[in-house]
Full PDB file with SEQRES, HELIX, SHEET, SSBOND, CRYST1, ORIGX, SCALE, CONECT and MASTER records, all heavy atoms in Angstrom:
SEQRES   1 A   40  GLU PHE VAL ALA ARG ILE PHE ARG SER VAL ASP SER THR          
SEQRES   2 A   40  ASP TYR ALA ASP SER VAL GLU GLY ARG PHE THR ILE SER          
SEQRES   3 A   40  ARG ASP ASN ALA LEU ASN THR VAL TYR LEU GLN MET SER          
SEQRES   4 A   40  THR                                                          
SHEET    1 AA1 2 ALA A   4  ILE A   6  0                                        
SHEET    2 AA1 2 THR A  13  TYR A  15 -1                                        
SHEET    1 AA2 2 PHE A  23  ASP A  28  0                                        
SHEET    2 AA2 2 THR A  33  MET A  38 -1                                        
CRYST1    1.000    1.000    1.000  90.00  90.00  90.00 P 1           1          
ORIGX1      1.000000  0.000000  0.000000        0.00000                         
ORIGX2      0.000000  1.000000  0.000000        0.00000                         
ORIGX3      0.000000  0.000000  1.000000        0.00000                         
SCALE1      1.000000  0.000000  0.000000        0.00000                         
SCALE2      0.000000  1.000000  0.000000        0.00000                         
SCALE3      0.000000  0.000000  1.000000        0.00000                         
ATOM      1  N   GLU A   1      10.886  -9.927  -1.759  1.00  0.00           N  
ATOM      2  CA  GLU A   1      10.736  -9.268  -0.482  1.00  0.00           C  
ATOM      3  C   GLU A   1       9.466  -8.482  -0.399  1.00  0.00           C  
ATOM      4  O   GLU A   1       8.972  -7.899  -1.374  1.00  0.00           O  
ATOM      5  CB  GLU A   1      11.957  -8.374  -0.168  1.00  0.00           C  
ATOM      6  CG  GLU A   1      12.098  -7.171  -1.117  1.00  0.00           C  
ATOM      7  CD  GLU A   1      13.204  -6.272  -0.659  1.00  0.00           C  
ATOM      8  OE1 GLU A   1      13.734  -6.427   0.430  1.00  0.00           O  
ATOM      9  OE2 GLU A   1      13.582  -5.378  -1.481  1.00  0.00           O  
ATOM     10  N   PHE A   2       8.957  -8.408   0.785  1.00  0.00           N  
ATOM     11  CA  PHE A   2       7.731  -7.659   1.096  1.00  0.00           C  
ATOM     12  C   PHE A   2       7.962  -6.159   0.957  1.00  0.00           C  
ATOM     13  O   PHE A   2       8.989  -5.627   1.370  1.00  0.00           O  
ATOM     14  CB  PHE A   2       7.243  -7.977   2.491  1.00  0.00           C  
ATOM     15  CG  PHE A   2       6.164  -7.090   3.013  1.00  0.00           C  
ATOM     16  CD1 PHE A   2       4.844  -7.273   2.608  1.00  0.00           C  
ATOM     17  CD2 PHE A   2       6.434  -6.084   3.897  1.00  0.00           C  
ATOM     18  CE1 PHE A   2       3.837  -6.453   3.057  1.00  0.00           C  
ATOM     19  CE2 PHE A   2       5.450  -5.272   4.375  1.00  0.00           C  
ATOM     20  CZ  PHE A   2       4.148  -5.455   3.963  1.00  0.00           C  
ATOM     21  N   VAL A   3       6.963  -5.474   0.392  1.00  0.00           N  
ATOM     22  CA  VAL A   3       7.006  -4.041   0.277  1.00  0.00           C  
ATOM     23  C   VAL A   3       5.876  -3.378   1.069  1.00  0.00           C  
ATOM     24  O   VAL A   3       6.123  -2.506   1.927  1.00  0.00           O  
ATOM     25  CB  VAL A   3       6.890  -3.589  -1.183  1.00  0.00           C  
ATOM     26  CG1 VAL A   3       6.838  -2.054  -1.318  1.00  0.00           C  
ATOM     27  CG2 VAL A   3       8.073  -4.117  -1.983  1.00  0.00           C  
ATOM     28  N   ALA A   4       4.627  -3.765   0.770  1.00  0.00           N  
ATOM     29  CA  ALA A   4       3.486  -3.126   1.422  1.00  0.00           C  
ATOM     30  C   ALA A   4       2.260  -4.039   1.307  1.00  0.00           C  
ATOM     31  O   ALA A   4       2.164  -4.868   0.427  1.00  0.00           O  
ATOM     32  CB  ALA A   4       3.200  -1.774   0.793  1.00  0.00           C  
ATOM     33  N   ARG A   5       1.305  -3.802   2.212  1.00  0.00           N  
ATOM     34  CA  ARG A   5       0.022  -4.547   2.153  1.00  0.00           C  
ATOM     35  C   ARG A   5      -1.080  -3.626   2.657  1.00  0.00           C  
ATOM     36  O   ARG A   5      -0.829  -2.740   3.471  1.00  0.00           O  
ATOM     37  CB  ARG A   5       0.065  -5.852   2.940  1.00  0.00           C  
ATOM     38  CG  ARG A   5       0.398  -5.678   4.404  1.00  0.00           C  
ATOM     39  CD  ARG A   5       0.369  -6.971   5.172  1.00  0.00           C  
ATOM     40  NE  ARG A   5       1.054  -6.851   6.468  1.00  0.00           N  
ATOM     41  CZ  ARG A   5       0.934  -7.720   7.443  1.00  0.00           C  
ATOM     42  NH1 ARG A   5       0.176  -8.812   7.311  1.00  0.00           N  
ATOM     43  NH2 ARG A   5       1.606  -7.549   8.574  1.00  0.00           N  
ATOM     44  N   ILE A   6      -2.256  -3.878   2.161  1.00  0.00           N  
ATOM     45  CA  ILE A   6      -3.463  -3.209   2.648  1.00  0.00           C  
ATOM     46  C   ILE A   6      -4.439  -4.290   3.065  1.00  0.00           C  
ATOM     47  O   ILE A   6      -4.746  -5.206   2.286  1.00  0.00           O  
ATOM     48  CB  ILE A   6      -4.023  -2.245   1.584  1.00  0.00           C  
ATOM     49  CG1 ILE A   6      -5.212  -1.451   2.160  1.00  0.00           C  
ATOM     50  CG2 ILE A   6      -4.375  -2.952   0.279  1.00  0.00           C  
ATOM     51  CD1 ILE A   6      -5.571  -0.255   1.317  1.00  0.00           C  
ATOM     52  N   PHE A   7      -4.925  -4.205   4.268  1.00  0.00           N  
ATOM     53  CA  PHE A   7      -5.722  -5.281   4.868  1.00  0.00           C  
ATOM     54  C   PHE A   7      -7.084  -5.375   4.244  1.00  0.00           C  
ATOM     55  O   PHE A   7      -7.691  -4.408   3.831  1.00  0.00           O  
ATOM     56  CB  PHE A   7      -5.832  -5.084   6.390  1.00  0.00           C  
ATOM     57  CG  PHE A   7      -4.538  -4.997   7.090  1.00  0.00           C  
ATOM     58  CD1 PHE A   7      -4.188  -3.938   7.903  1.00  0.00           C  
ATOM     59  CD2 PHE A   7      -3.588  -6.036   6.929  1.00  0.00           C  
ATOM     60  CE1 PHE A   7      -2.957  -3.875   8.546  1.00  0.00           C  
ATOM     61  CE2 PHE A   7      -2.344  -5.977   7.552  1.00  0.00           C  
ATOM     62  CZ  PHE A   7      -2.051  -4.902   8.366  1.00  0.00           C  
ATOM     63  N   ARG A   8      -7.613  -6.616   4.246  1.00  0.00           N  
ATOM     64  CA  ARG A   8      -8.921  -6.881   3.675  1.00  0.00           C  
ATOM     65  C   ARG A   8     -10.031  -6.241   4.488  1.00  0.00           C  
ATOM     66  O   ARG A   8     -10.969  -5.617   3.916  1.00  0.00           O  
ATOM     67  CB  ARG A   8      -9.152  -8.397   3.607  1.00  0.00           C  
ATOM     68  CG  ARG A   8     -10.495  -8.793   3.017  1.00  0.00           C  
ATOM     69  CD  ARG A   8     -10.807 -10.269   3.329  1.00  0.00           C  
ATOM     70  NE  ARG A   8     -11.097 -10.455   4.737  1.00  0.00           N  
ATOM     71  CZ  ARG A   8     -11.149 -11.633   5.348  1.00  0.00           C  
ATOM     72  NH1 ARG A   8     -10.833 -12.730   4.667  1.00  0.00           N  
ATOM     73  NH2 ARG A   8     -11.443 -11.707   6.638  1.00  0.00           N  
ATOM     74  N   SER A   9      -9.977  -6.367   5.776  1.00  0.00           N  
ATOM     75  CA  SER A   9     -11.087  -5.974   6.639  1.00  0.00           C  
ATOM     76  C   SER A   9     -11.239  -4.451   6.769  1.00  0.00           C  
ATOM     77  O   SER A   9     -12.318  -3.916   6.791  1.00  0.00           O  
ATOM     78  CB  SER A   9     -10.922  -6.565   8.032  1.00  0.00           C  
ATOM     79  OG  SER A   9     -10.922  -7.990   7.971  1.00  0.00           O  
ATOM     80  N   VAL A  10     -10.101  -3.784   6.838  1.00  0.00           N  
ATOM     81  CA  VAL A  10     -10.072  -2.311   6.969  1.00  0.00           C  
ATOM     82  C   VAL A  10      -9.079  -1.756   5.997  1.00  0.00           C  
ATOM     83  O   VAL A  10      -8.405  -2.515   5.279  1.00  0.00           O  
ATOM     84  CB  VAL A  10      -9.739  -1.880   8.410  1.00  0.00           C  
ATOM     85  CG1 VAL A  10     -10.833  -2.346   9.375  1.00  0.00           C  
ATOM     86  CG2 VAL A  10      -8.393  -2.431   8.809  1.00  0.00           C  
ATOM     87  N   ASP A  11      -8.965  -0.466   5.941  1.00  0.00           N  
ATOM     88  CA  ASP A  11      -8.029   0.202   5.039  1.00  0.00           C  
ATOM     89  C   ASP A  11      -6.655   0.442   5.681  1.00  0.00           C  
ATOM     90  O   ASP A  11      -5.875   1.197   5.173  1.00  0.00           O  
ATOM     91  CB  ASP A  11      -8.589   1.492   4.528  1.00  0.00           C  
ATOM     92  CG  ASP A  11      -9.725   1.311   3.537  1.00  0.00           C  
ATOM     93  OD1 ASP A  11      -9.719   0.271   2.866  1.00  0.00           O  
ATOM     94  OD2 ASP A  11     -10.563   2.216   3.410  1.00  0.00           O  
ATOM     95  N   SER A  12      -6.397  -0.224   6.779  1.00  0.00           N  
ATOM     96  CA  SER A  12      -5.098  -0.110   7.408  1.00  0.00           C  
ATOM     97  C   SER A  12      -4.017  -0.715   6.507  1.00  0.00           C  
ATOM     98  O   SER A  12      -4.271  -1.636   5.752  1.00  0.00           O  
ATOM     99  CB  SER A  12      -5.075  -0.787   8.763  1.00  0.00           C  
ATOM    100  OG  SER A  12      -5.986  -0.164   9.661  1.00  0.00           O  
ATOM    101  N   THR A  13      -2.806  -0.189   6.633  1.00  0.00           N  
ATOM    102  CA  THR A  13      -1.694  -0.635   5.794  1.00  0.00           C  
ATOM    103  C   THR A  13      -0.482  -0.987   6.621  1.00  0.00           C  
ATOM    104  O   THR A  13      -0.368  -0.647   7.801  1.00  0.00           O  
ATOM    105  CB  THR A  13      -1.332   0.509   4.811  1.00  0.00           C  
ATOM    106  OG1 THR A  13      -0.999   1.690   5.542  1.00  0.00           O  
ATOM    107  CG2 THR A  13      -2.475   0.808   3.882  1.00  0.00           C  
ATOM    108  N   ASP A  14       0.427  -1.670   5.950  1.00  0.00           N  
ATOM    109  CA  ASP A  14       1.697  -2.091   6.588  1.00  0.00           C  
ATOM    110  C   ASP A  14       2.782  -1.959   5.527  1.00  0.00           C  
ATOM    111  O   ASP A  14       2.579  -2.274   4.371  1.00  0.00           O  
ATOM    112  CB  ASP A  14       1.587  -3.541   7.084  1.00  0.00           C  
ATOM    113  CG  ASP A  14       2.881  -4.042   7.665  1.00  0.00           C  
ATOM    114  OD1 ASP A  14       3.440  -3.330   8.533  1.00  0.00           O  
ATOM    115  OD2 ASP A  14       3.343  -5.148   7.249  1.00  0.00           O  
ATOM    116  N   TYR A  15       3.972  -1.471   5.970  1.00  0.00           N  
ATOM    117  CA  TYR A  15       5.048  -1.248   5.022  1.00  0.00           C  
ATOM    118  C   TYR A  15       6.378  -1.840   5.571  1.00  0.00           C  
ATOM    119  O   TYR A  15       6.611  -1.859   6.777  1.00  0.00           O  
ATOM    120  CB  TYR A  15       5.294   0.243   4.816  1.00  0.00           C  
ATOM    121  CG  TYR A  15       4.115   0.965   4.209  1.00  0.00           C  
ATOM    122  CD1 TYR A  15       3.117   1.548   5.001  1.00  0.00           C  
ATOM    123  CD2 TYR A  15       3.957   1.016   2.811  1.00  0.00           C  
ATOM    124  CE1 TYR A  15       2.057   2.188   4.455  1.00  0.00           C  
ATOM    125  CE2 TYR A  15       2.857   1.679   2.229  1.00  0.00           C  
ATOM    126  CZ  TYR A  15       1.916   2.244   3.063  1.00  0.00           C  
ATOM    127  OH  TYR A  15       0.825   2.885   2.515  1.00  0.00           O  
ATOM    128  N   ALA A  16       7.193  -2.238   4.615  1.00  0.00           N  
ATOM    129  CA  ALA A  16       8.550  -2.606   4.975  1.00  0.00           C  
ATOM    130  C   ALA A  16       9.330  -1.400   5.450  1.00  0.00           C  
ATOM    131  O   ALA A  16       9.074  -0.277   5.004  1.00  0.00           O  
ATOM    132  CB  ALA A  16       9.242  -3.255   3.780  1.00  0.00           C  
ATOM    133  N   ASP A  17      10.278  -1.599   6.339  1.00  0.00           N  
ATOM    134  CA  ASP A  17      11.056  -0.491   6.858  1.00  0.00           C  
ATOM    135  C   ASP A  17      11.804   0.286   5.757  1.00  0.00           C  
ATOM    136  O   ASP A  17      11.950   1.479   5.839  1.00  0.00           O  
ATOM    137  CB  ASP A  17      12.113  -1.001   7.866  1.00  0.00           C  
ATOM    138  CG  ASP A  17      11.461  -1.482   9.151  1.00  0.00           C  
ATOM    139  OD1 ASP A  17      10.284  -1.166   9.405  1.00  0.00           O  
ATOM    140  OD2 ASP A  17      12.147  -2.216   9.901  1.00  0.00           O  
ATOM    141  N   SER A  18      12.174  -0.399   4.700  1.00  0.00           N  
ATOM    142  CA  SER A  18      12.940   0.201   3.651  1.00  0.00           C  
ATOM    143  C   SER A  18      12.123   1.204   2.803  1.00  0.00           C  
ATOM    144  O   SER A  18      12.702   2.043   2.130  1.00  0.00           O  
ATOM    145  CB  SER A  18      13.518  -0.857   2.709  1.00  0.00           C  
ATOM    146  OG  SER A  18      12.484  -1.653   2.152  1.00  0.00           O  
ATOM    147  N   VAL A  19      10.807   1.109   2.877  1.00  0.00           N  
ATOM    148  CA  VAL A  19       9.956   1.990   2.073  1.00  0.00           C  
ATOM    149  C   VAL A  19       9.008   2.841   2.871  1.00  0.00           C  
ATOM    150  O   VAL A  19       8.381   3.782   2.321  1.00  0.00           O  
ATOM    151  CB  VAL A  19       9.169   1.163   1.022  1.00  0.00           C  
ATOM    152  CG1 VAL A  19      10.088   0.320   0.154  1.00  0.00           C  
ATOM    153  CG2 VAL A  19       8.081   0.321   1.717  1.00  0.00           C  
ATOM    154  N   GLU A  20       8.854   2.594   4.114  1.00  0.00           N  
ATOM    155  CA  GLU A  20       7.905   3.333   4.993  1.00  0.00           C  
ATOM    156  C   GLU A  20       8.261   4.813   4.947  1.00  0.00           C  
ATOM    157  O   GLU A  20       9.410   5.216   5.155  1.00  0.00           O  
ATOM    158  CB  GLU A  20       7.879   2.812   6.393  1.00  0.00           C  
ATOM    159  CG  GLU A  20       6.777   3.374   7.234  1.00  0.00           C  
ATOM    160  CD  GLU A  20       6.537   2.600   8.511  1.00  0.00           C  
ATOM    161  OE1 GLU A  20       7.350   1.774   8.836  1.00  0.00           O  
ATOM    162  OE2 GLU A  20       5.505   2.821   9.145  1.00  0.00           O  
ATOM    163  N   GLY A  21       7.221   5.621   4.744  1.00  0.00           N  
ATOM    164  CA  GLY A  21       7.437   7.088   4.641  1.00  0.00           C  
ATOM    165  C   GLY A  21       7.633   7.512   3.220  1.00  0.00           C  
ATOM    166  O   GLY A  21       7.515   8.738   2.937  1.00  0.00           O  
ATOM    167  N   ARG A  22       7.948   6.613   2.297  1.00  0.00           N  
ATOM    168  CA  ARG A  22       8.181   6.945   0.904  1.00  0.00           C  
ATOM    169  C   ARG A  22       7.117   6.340  -0.041  1.00  0.00           C  
ATOM    170  O   ARG A  22       6.761   6.945  -1.028  1.00  0.00           O  
ATOM    171  CB  ARG A  22       9.546   6.477   0.453  1.00  0.00           C  
ATOM    172  CG  ARG A  22      10.702   7.126   1.193  1.00  0.00           C  
ATOM    173  CD  ARG A  22      12.044   6.772   0.557  1.00  0.00           C  
ATOM    174  NE  ARG A  22      12.312   5.365   0.532  1.00  0.00           N  
ATOM    175  CZ  ARG A  22      12.441   4.625  -0.568  1.00  0.00           C  
ATOM    176  NH1 ARG A  22      12.323   5.157  -1.753  1.00  0.00           N  
ATOM    177  NH2 ARG A  22      12.688   3.296  -0.464  1.00  0.00           N  
ATOM    178  N   PHE A  23       6.646   5.168   0.308  1.00  0.00           N  
ATOM    179  CA  PHE A  23       5.650   4.453  -0.515  1.00  0.00           C  
ATOM    180  C   PHE A  23       4.292   4.485   0.141  1.00  0.00           C  
ATOM    181  O   PHE A  23       4.167   4.477   1.363  1.00  0.00           O  
ATOM    182  CB  PHE A  23       6.081   2.990  -0.717  1.00  0.00           C  
ATOM    183  CG  PHE A  23       7.252   2.811  -1.621  1.00  0.00           C  
ATOM    184  CD1 PHE A  23       8.098   3.879  -2.000  1.00  0.00           C  
ATOM    185  CD2 PHE A  23       7.540   1.533  -2.097  1.00  0.00           C  
ATOM    186  CE1 PHE A  23       9.189   3.663  -2.808  1.00  0.00           C  
ATOM    187  CE2 PHE A  23       8.649   1.308  -2.908  1.00  0.00           C  
ATOM    188  CZ  PHE A  23       9.473   2.380  -3.276  1.00  0.00           C  
ATOM    189  N   THR A  24       3.245   4.442  -0.672  1.00  0.00           N  
ATOM    190  CA  THR A  24       1.882   4.397  -0.167  1.00  0.00           C  
ATOM    191  C   THR A  24       1.081   3.395  -0.973  1.00  0.00           C  
ATOM    192  O   THR A  24       1.003   3.510  -2.225  1.00  0.00           O  
ATOM    193  CB  THR A  24       1.176   5.769  -0.256  1.00  0.00           C  
ATOM    194  OG1 THR A  24       1.904   6.728   0.508  1.00  0.00           O  
ATOM    195  CG2 THR A  24      -0.227   5.689   0.305  1.00  0.00           C  
ATOM    196  N   ILE A  25       0.467   2.425  -0.332  1.00  0.00           N  
ATOM    197  CA  ILE A  25      -0.406   1.474  -0.983  1.00  0.00           C  
ATOM    198  C   ILE A  25      -1.847   1.933  -0.771  1.00  0.00           C  
ATOM    199  O   ILE A  25      -2.195   2.387   0.295  1.00  0.00           O  
ATOM    200  CB  ILE A  25      -0.211   0.034  -0.468  1.00  0.00           C  
ATOM    201  CG1 ILE A  25      -1.028  -0.952  -1.265  1.00  0.00           C  
ATOM    202  CG2 ILE A  25      -0.510  -0.052   1.033  1.00  0.00           C  
ATOM    203  CD1 ILE A  25      -0.750  -2.445  -0.918  1.00  0.00           C  
ATOM    204  N   SER A  26      -2.671   1.801  -1.819  1.00  0.00           N  
ATOM    205  CA  SER A  26      -4.049   2.155  -1.733  1.00  0.00           C  
ATOM    206  C   SER A  26      -4.846   1.316  -2.667  1.00  0.00           C  
ATOM    207  O   SER A  26      -4.313   0.572  -3.504  1.00  0.00           O  
ATOM    208  CB  SER A  26      -4.241   3.666  -2.062  1.00  0.00           C  
ATOM    209  OG  SER A  26      -3.844   3.953  -3.383  1.00  0.00           O  
ATOM    210  N   ARG A  27      -6.162   1.390  -2.585  1.00  0.00           N  
ATOM    211  CA  ARG A  27      -7.014   0.606  -3.506  1.00  0.00           C  
ATOM    212  C   ARG A  27      -8.252   1.417  -3.881  1.00  0.00           C  
ATOM    213  O   ARG A  27      -8.751   2.227  -3.108  1.00  0.00           O  
ATOM    214  CB  ARG A  27      -7.388  -0.726  -2.879  1.00  0.00           C  
ATOM    215  CG  ARG A  27      -8.207  -0.618  -1.603  1.00  0.00           C  
ATOM    216  CD  ARG A  27      -8.429  -1.983  -1.017  1.00  0.00           C  
ATOM    217  NE  ARG A  27      -8.977  -1.940   0.352  1.00  0.00           N  
ATOM    218  CZ  ARG A  27      -8.944  -2.903   1.230  1.00  0.00           C  
ATOM    219  NH1 ARG A  27      -8.318  -4.052   0.916  1.00  0.00           N  
ATOM    220  NH2 ARG A  27      -9.460  -2.751   2.431  1.00  0.00           N  
ATOM    221  N   ASP A  28      -8.718   1.156  -5.064  1.00  0.00           N  
ATOM    222  CA  ASP A  28      -9.987   1.710  -5.513  1.00  0.00           C  
ATOM    223  C   ASP A  28     -10.882   0.512  -5.802  1.00  0.00           C  
ATOM    224  O   ASP A  28     -10.746  -0.161  -6.823  1.00  0.00           O  
ATOM    225  CB  ASP A  28      -9.776   2.560  -6.776  1.00  0.00           C  
ATOM    226  CG  ASP A  28     -11.011   3.292  -7.203  1.00  0.00           C  
ATOM    227  OD1 ASP A  28     -12.122   2.770  -6.991  1.00  0.00           O  
ATOM    228  OD2 ASP A  28     -10.851   4.397  -7.769  1.00  0.00           O  
ATOM    229  N   ASN A  29     -11.801   0.246  -4.887  1.00  0.00           N  
ATOM    230  CA  ASN A  29     -12.637  -0.948  -5.032  1.00  0.00           C  
ATOM    231  C   ASN A  29     -13.571  -0.840  -6.221  1.00  0.00           C  
ATOM    232  O   ASN A  29     -13.925  -1.848  -6.832  1.00  0.00           O  
ATOM    233  CB  ASN A  29     -13.465  -1.128  -3.734  1.00  0.00           C  
ATOM    234  CG  ASN A  29     -12.619  -1.592  -2.574  1.00  0.00           C  
ATOM    235  OD1 ASN A  29     -11.550  -2.148  -2.746  1.00  0.00           O  
ATOM    236  ND2 ASN A  29     -13.093  -1.313  -1.361  1.00  0.00           N  
ATOM    237  N   ALA A  30     -13.996   0.367  -6.559  1.00  0.00           N  
ATOM    238  CA  ALA A  30     -14.863   0.555  -7.718  1.00  0.00           C  
ATOM    239  C   ALA A  30     -14.164   0.118  -8.989  1.00  0.00           C  
ATOM    240  O   ALA A  30     -14.806  -0.399  -9.912  1.00  0.00           O  
ATOM    241  CB  ALA A  30     -15.347   1.986  -7.796  1.00  0.00           C  
ATOM    242  N   LEU A  31     -12.848   0.400  -9.092  1.00  0.00           N  
ATOM    243  CA  LEU A  31     -12.076   0.024 -10.260  1.00  0.00           C  
ATOM    244  C   LEU A  31     -11.398  -1.305 -10.107  1.00  0.00           C  
ATOM    245  O   LEU A  31     -10.722  -1.776 -11.017  1.00  0.00           O  
ATOM    246  CB  LEU A  31     -11.027   1.102 -10.520  1.00  0.00           C  
ATOM    247  CG  LEU A  31     -11.544   2.486 -10.922  1.00  0.00           C  
ATOM    248  CD1 LEU A  31     -10.369   3.479 -11.123  1.00  0.00           C  
ATOM    249  CD2 LEU A  31     -12.393   2.410 -12.185  1.00  0.00           C  
ATOM    250  N   ASN A  32     -11.544  -1.923  -8.895  1.00  0.00           N  
ATOM    251  CA  ASN A  32     -10.908  -3.207  -8.594  1.00  0.00           C  
ATOM    252  C   ASN A  32      -9.427  -3.158  -8.863  1.00  0.00           C  
ATOM    253  O   ASN A  32      -8.857  -4.067  -9.480  1.00  0.00           O  
ATOM    254  CB  ASN A  32     -11.598  -4.333  -9.453  1.00  0.00           C  
ATOM    255  CG  ASN A  32     -11.603  -5.654  -8.726  1.00  0.00           C  
ATOM    256  OD1 ASN A  32     -11.711  -5.745  -7.520  1.00  0.00           O  
ATOM    257  ND2 ASN A  32     -11.526  -6.736  -9.472  1.00  0.00           N  
ATOM    258  N   THR A  33      -8.788  -2.093  -8.414  1.00  0.00           N  
ATOM    259  CA  THR A  33      -7.393  -1.840  -8.678  1.00  0.00           C  
ATOM    260  C   THR A  33      -6.669  -1.448  -7.404  1.00  0.00           C  
ATOM    261  O   THR A  33      -7.171  -0.665  -6.627  1.00  0.00           O  
ATOM    262  CB  THR A  33      -7.252  -0.757  -9.756  1.00  0.00           C  
ATOM    263  OG1 THR A  33      -7.898  -1.155 -10.945  1.00  0.00           O  
ATOM    264  CG2 THR A  33      -5.789  -0.493 -10.044  1.00  0.00           C  
ATOM    265  N   VAL A  34      -5.453  -1.926  -7.252  1.00  0.00           N  
ATOM    266  CA  VAL A  34      -4.570  -1.579  -6.143  1.00  0.00           C  
ATOM    267  C   VAL A  34      -3.421  -0.749  -6.687  1.00  0.00           C  
ATOM    268  O   VAL A  34      -2.942  -1.004  -7.822  1.00  0.00           O  
ATOM    269  CB  VAL A  34      -4.050  -2.832  -5.429  1.00  0.00           C  
ATOM    270  CG1 VAL A  34      -3.151  -2.438  -4.264  1.00  0.00           C  
ATOM    271  CG2 VAL A  34      -5.182  -3.678  -4.943  1.00  0.00           C  
ATOM    272  N   TYR A  35      -2.969   0.220  -5.937  1.00  0.00           N  
ATOM    273  CA  TYR A  35      -1.895   1.100  -6.358  1.00  0.00           C  
ATOM    274  C   TYR A  35      -0.723   1.086  -5.390  1.00  0.00           C  
ATOM    275  O   TYR A  35      -0.903   0.829  -4.212  1.00  0.00           O  
ATOM    276  CB  TYR A  35      -2.409   2.531  -6.508  1.00  0.00           C  
ATOM    277  CG  TYR A  35      -3.609   2.695  -7.392  1.00  0.00           C  
ATOM    278  CD1 TYR A  35      -4.888   2.719  -6.896  1.00  0.00           C  
ATOM    279  CD2 TYR A  35      -3.439   2.801  -8.795  1.00  0.00           C  
ATOM    280  CE1 TYR A  35      -5.998   2.832  -7.740  1.00  0.00           C  
ATOM    281  CE2 TYR A  35      -4.531   2.943  -9.638  1.00  0.00           C  
ATOM    282  CZ  TYR A  35      -5.799   2.955  -9.083  1.00  0.00           C  
ATOM    283  OH  TYR A  35      -6.911   3.077  -9.910  1.00  0.00           O  
ATOM    284  N   LEU A  36       0.432   1.394  -5.930  1.00  0.00           N  
ATOM    285  CA  LEU A  36       1.590   1.645  -5.074  1.00  0.00           C  
ATOM    286  C   LEU A  36       2.222   2.959  -5.542  1.00  0.00           C  
ATOM    287  O   LEU A  36       2.836   3.021  -6.605  1.00  0.00           O  
ATOM    288  CB  LEU A  36       2.610   0.500  -5.193  1.00  0.00           C  
ATOM    289  CG  LEU A  36       3.831   0.642  -4.276  1.00  0.00           C  
ATOM    290  CD1 LEU A  36       3.401   0.524  -2.816  1.00  0.00           C  
ATOM    291  CD2 LEU A  36       4.871  -0.417  -4.622  1.00  0.00           C  
ATOM    292  N   GLN A  37       2.028   3.995  -4.737  1.00  0.00           N  
ATOM    293  CA  GLN A  37       2.632   5.281  -5.032  1.00  0.00           C  
ATOM    294  C   GLN A  37       4.048   5.333  -4.437  1.00  0.00           C  
ATOM    295  O   GLN A  37       4.178   5.215  -3.204  1.00  0.00           O  
ATOM    296  CB  GLN A  37       1.764   6.407  -4.463  1.00  0.00           C  
ATOM    297  CG  GLN A  37       2.322   7.821  -4.704  1.00  0.00           C  
ATOM    298  CD  GLN A  37       2.323   8.209  -6.138  1.00  0.00           C  
ATOM    299  OE1 GLN A  37       1.336   8.022  -6.841  1.00  0.00           O  
ATOM    300  NE2 GLN A  37       3.441   8.694  -6.628  1.00  0.00           N  
ATOM    301  N   MET A  38       5.023   5.462  -5.256  1.00  0.00           N  
ATOM    302  CA  MET A  38       6.398   5.476  -4.817  1.00  0.00           C  
ATOM    303  C   MET A  38       7.003   6.875  -4.964  1.00  0.00           C  
ATOM    304  O   MET A  38       6.926   7.468  -6.021  1.00  0.00           O  
ATOM    305  CB  MET A  38       7.224   4.452  -5.607  1.00  0.00           C  
ATOM    306  CG  MET A  38       6.675   3.045  -5.554  1.00  0.00           C  
ATOM    307  SD  MET A  38       7.713   1.821  -6.411  1.00  0.00           S  
ATOM    308  CE  MET A  38       7.491   2.405  -8.127  1.00  0.00           C  
ATOM    309  N   SER A  39       7.599   7.358  -3.899  1.00  0.00           N  
ATOM    310  CA  SER A  39       8.200   8.683  -3.873  1.00  0.00           C  
ATOM    311  C   SER A  39       9.605   8.594  -3.369  1.00  0.00           C  
ATOM    312  O   SER A  39      10.022   7.623  -2.737  1.00  0.00           O  
ATOM    313  CB  SER A  39       7.381   9.636  -3.010  1.00  0.00           C  
ATOM    314  OG  SER A  39       6.029   9.756  -3.443  1.00  0.00           O  
ATOM    315  N   THR A  40      10.385   9.690  -3.629  1.00  0.00           N  
ATOM    316  CA  THR A  40      11.779   9.736  -3.214  1.00  0.00           C  
ATOM    317  C   THR A  40      12.518   8.445  -3.583  1.00  0.00           C  
ATOM    318  O   THR A  40      13.145   7.803  -2.748  1.00  0.00           O  
ATOM    319  CB  THR A  40      11.887  10.024  -1.716  1.00  0.00           C  
ATOM    320  OG1 THR A  40      10.891  10.998  -1.317  1.00  0.00           O  
ATOM    321  CG2 THR A  40      13.232  10.557  -1.354  1.00  0.00           C  
TER     322      THR A  40                                                      
MASTER        0    0    0    0    4    0    0    6  321    1    0    4          
END                                                                             
């Protein structure tokens, strides 16, 4: 099941209803790494 995505063109994000408000997806292009910060 889908959790989160971060768009290629911009830094806009999208979240599944089950995690929105609790999870945050981000990326560090310099480190070529994507993160998922999960809370609560």
